[in-house]
Amino acid sequence: MHKDQGERRSGAFSCLMAAMLLTALFLGLYALTGVTEFSPRLSTQVLLFAGLSLAAGLVLLQPVRSIKKDAWNARLIELALYGVYALALLSWLFYLVSQINYITNMLVAIDGTKLSLIFVISVLLIGAAWVLSLMTALLFGKSLRLSTGADAEQEVQHA
């Protein structure tokens, strides 16, 4: 394995671990504090997409860490990592939509002008999770391309 490829693979694994931790923290925080006077019930979409992102990410942890040179499986894993990113992004967007009454209230200054700490932490947790998920997919894809380039380079040298 090319040294830079190993570092990128390790970076992808670390990013995915961090993204899954942040997603789990977000889900817990949202489940505990998501019902407010501005949003009377938890959003099914937020729970669904964040839960799917977490589940898919946890399933992909082992393959990201130890995928072999089988390019077909590696490409499927890369595609699945972009799926984790998309699910996390959707949960972030649906969270903002579910809090639209609160956001509007703060912007118009009806009941106050300060954002609550819980809201800010929730936005940052799931926002960081989808950014880290994207970084995971990008790093993993880059390690695949380095692997393919190194393999092609070895074949040329042996020919």
Protein backbone atom coordinates (compact mmCIF):
# COMPACT_ATOMS: atom_id res chain seq x y z
CA MET A 1 0.00 0.00 0.00
CA HIS A 2 1.28 3.45 -0.91
CA LYS A 3 2.17 5.46 2.23
CA ASP A 4 -0.03 8.42 1.27
CA GLN A 5 -2.86 6.01 0.50
CA GLY A 6 -2.60 4.50 4.00
CA GLU A 7 -2.64 7.95 5.58
CA ARG A 8 -5.72 8.94 3.60
CA ARG A 9 -7.45 5.66 4.47
CA SER A 10 -6.65 6.27 8.15
CA GLY A 11 -7.92 9.84 7.79
CA ALA A 12 -11.13 8.59 6.18
CA PHE A 13 -11.66 6.14 9.04
CA SER A 14 -11.05 8.86 11.64
CA CYS A 15 -13.42 11.28 9.89
CA LEU A 16 -16.11 8.62 9.70
CA MET A 17 -15.70 7.75 13.39
CA ALA A 18 -15.97 11.42 14.33
CA ALA A 19 -19.00 11.92 12.07
CA MET A 20 -20.79 8.94 13.63
CA LEU A 21 -20.02 10.19 17.14
CA LEU A 22 -21.38 13.65 16.30
CA THR A 23 -24.47 12.15 14.66
CA ALA A 24 -25.15 10.00 17.73
CA LEU A 25 -24.72 13.03 20.01
CA PHE A 26 -27.06 15.05 17.79
CA LEU A 27 -29.71 12.30 17.85
CA GLY A 28 -29.53 12.09 21.63
CA LEU A 29 -29.69 15.85 22.06
CA TYR A 30 -32.55 16.18 19.59
CA ALA A 31 -34.51 13.36 21.23
CA LEU A 32 -34.15 15.05 24.63
CA THR A 33 -34.67 18.68 23.64
CA GLY A 34 -36.41 18.66 20.23
CA VAL A 35 -39.92 19.28 21.53
CA THR A 36 -40.33 22.98 22.32
CA GLU A 37 -43.06 25.58 22.26
CA PHE A 38 -42.12 26.29 18.62
CA SER A 39 -41.96 22.68 17.46
CA PRO A 40 -44.52 20.57 19.35
CA ARG A 41 -43.18 17.19 18.15
CA LEU A 42 -39.98 15.61 16.92
CA SER A 43 -39.49 15.57 13.17
CA THR A 44 -39.77 12.08 11.72
CA GLN A 45 -37.54 13.10 8.80
CA VAL A 46 -34.76 14.32 11.09
CA LEU A 47 -34.84 11.11 13.12
CA LEU A 48 -35.07 8.93 10.01
CA PHE A 49 -32.26 10.52 8.02
CA ALA A 50 -29.92 10.97 11.00
CA GLY A 51 -30.62 7.40 12.12
CA LEU A 52 -29.99 6.00 8.64
CA SER A 53 -26.80 8.03 8.34
CA LEU A 54 -25.60 6.70 11.69
CA ALA A 55 -26.50 3.10 10.87
CA ALA A 56 -24.89 3.21 7.42
CA GLY A 57 -21.77 4.87 8.78
CA LEU A 58 -21.39 2.27 11.51
CA VAL A 59 -21.76 -0.53 8.96
CA LEU A 60 -19.08 1.07 6.76
CA LEU A 61 -16.49 1.57 9.53
CA GLN A 62 -14.84 -1.83 9.06
CA PRO A 63 -14.77 -1.80 5.24
CA VAL A 64 -13.29 1.73 5.21
CA ARG A 65 -10.51 0.61 7.51
CA SER A 66 -9.61 -2.66 5.84
CA ILE A 67 -10.78 -2.70 2.23
CA LYS A 68 -8.52 -4.71 -0.06
CA LYS A 69 -7.56 -3.90 -3.64
CA ASP A 70 -10.84 -5.19 -5.09
CA ALA A 71 -11.76 -2.07 -7.03
CA TRP A 72 -15.42 -3.00 -7.54
CA ASN A 73 -16.16 -3.36 -3.82
CA ALA A 74 -14.10 -0.30 -3.03
CA ARG A 75 -16.11 1.79 -5.51
CA LEU A 76 -19.36 0.55 -3.93
CA ILE A 77 -18.06 1.54 -0.50
CA GLU A 78 -17.11 4.97 -1.84
CA LEU A 79 -20.62 5.38 -3.24
CA ALA A 80 -22.11 4.28 0.09
CA LEU A 81 -19.96 6.87 1.88
CA TYR A 82 -21.46 9.58 -0.32
CA GLY A 83 -24.84 8.16 0.73
CA VAL A 84 -23.90 8.64 4.39
CA TYR A 85 -22.99 12.24 3.56
CA ALA A 86 -26.29 12.81 1.73
CA LEU A 87 -28.32 11.38 4.61
CA ALA A 88 -26.48 13.56 7.15
CA LEU A 89 -27.00 16.62 4.95
CA LEU A 90 -30.71 15.84 4.65
CA SER A 91 -31.04 15.46 8.41
CA TRP A 92 -29.34 18.86 8.88
CA LEU A 93 -31.68 20.49 6.36
CA PHE A 94 -34.79 18.86 7.85
CA TYR A 95 -33.66 19.93 11.32
CA LEU A 96 -33.53 23.54 10.15
CA VAL A 97 -36.96 23.14 8.53
CA SER A 98 -38.38 21.64 11.73
CA GLN A 99 -37.10 24.65 13.66
CA ILE A 100 -38.38 27.26 11.18
CA ASN A 101 -40.89 28.71 13.65
CA TYR A 102 -38.12 29.19 16.20
CA ILE A 103 -35.74 30.69 13.65
CA THR A 104 -38.43 33.07 12.37
CA ASN A 105 -39.31 34.07 15.91
CA MET A 106 -35.66 34.96 16.59
CA LEU A 107 -35.23 36.86 13.32
CA VAL A 108 -38.37 38.93 13.83
CA ALA A 109 -37.57 39.35 17.54
CA ILE A 110 -41.06 38.45 18.73
CA ASP A 111 -40.11 36.60 21.93
CA GLY A 112 -36.41 37.35 21.98
CA THR A 113 -33.37 37.80 19.83
CA LYS A 114 -30.93 35.26 21.24
CA LEU A 115 -30.55 31.78 19.82
CA SER A 116 -30.61 29.07 22.45
CA LEU A 117 -27.44 27.17 23.17
CA ILE A 118 -29.20 23.86 22.49
CA PHE A 119 -30.22 25.02 19.00
CA VAL A 120 -26.71 26.23 18.16
CA ILE A 121 -25.11 23.02 19.45
CA SER A 122 -27.59 20.89 17.50
CA VAL A 123 -26.94 22.77 14.26
CA LEU A 124 -23.19 22.53 14.77
CA LEU A 125 -23.23 18.83 15.68
CA ILE A 126 -25.17 17.63 12.66
CA GLY A 127 -23.52 20.22 10.39
CA ALA A 128 -20.05 19.01 11.40
CA ALA A 129 -21.23 15.41 10.96
CA TRP A 130 -22.20 15.94 7.33
CA VAL A 131 -19.00 17.84 6.58
CA LEU A 132 -16.95 15.03 8.12
CA SER A 133 -19.00 12.48 6.15
CA LEU A 134 -18.14 14.32 2.94
CA MET A 135 -14.48 14.45 3.92
CA THR A 136 -14.59 10.69 4.54
CA ALA A 137 -15.91 10.00 1.06
CA LEU A 138 -13.37 12.35 -0.53
CA LEU A 139 -10.40 10.89 1.38
CA PHE A 140 -11.50 7.33 0.69
CA GLY A 141 -11.93 8.09 -3.01
CA LYS A 142 -8.50 9.73 -3.14
CA SER A 143 -6.92 6.66 -1.51
CA LEU A 144 -8.57 4.48 -4.17
CA ARG A 145 -7.18 6.62 -6.97
CA LEU A 146 -3.73 6.52 -5.39
CA SER A 147 -4.00 2.74 -5.14
CA THR A 148 -5.05 2.45 -8.78
CA GLY A 149 -2.23 4.77 -9.86
CA ALA A 150 0.36 2.85 -7.81
CA ASP A 151 -0.86 -0.48 -9.25
CA ALA A 152 -0.64 0.86 -12.81
CA GLU A 153 2.82 2.25 -12.11
CA GLN A 154 4.01 -1.18 -10.82
CA GLU A 155 2.60 -2.93 -13.89
CA VAL A 156 4.49 -0.54 -16.18
CA GLN A 157 7.73 -1.16 -14.27
CA HIS A 158 7.30 -4.96 -14.48
CA ALA A 159 6.53 -4.89 -18.21
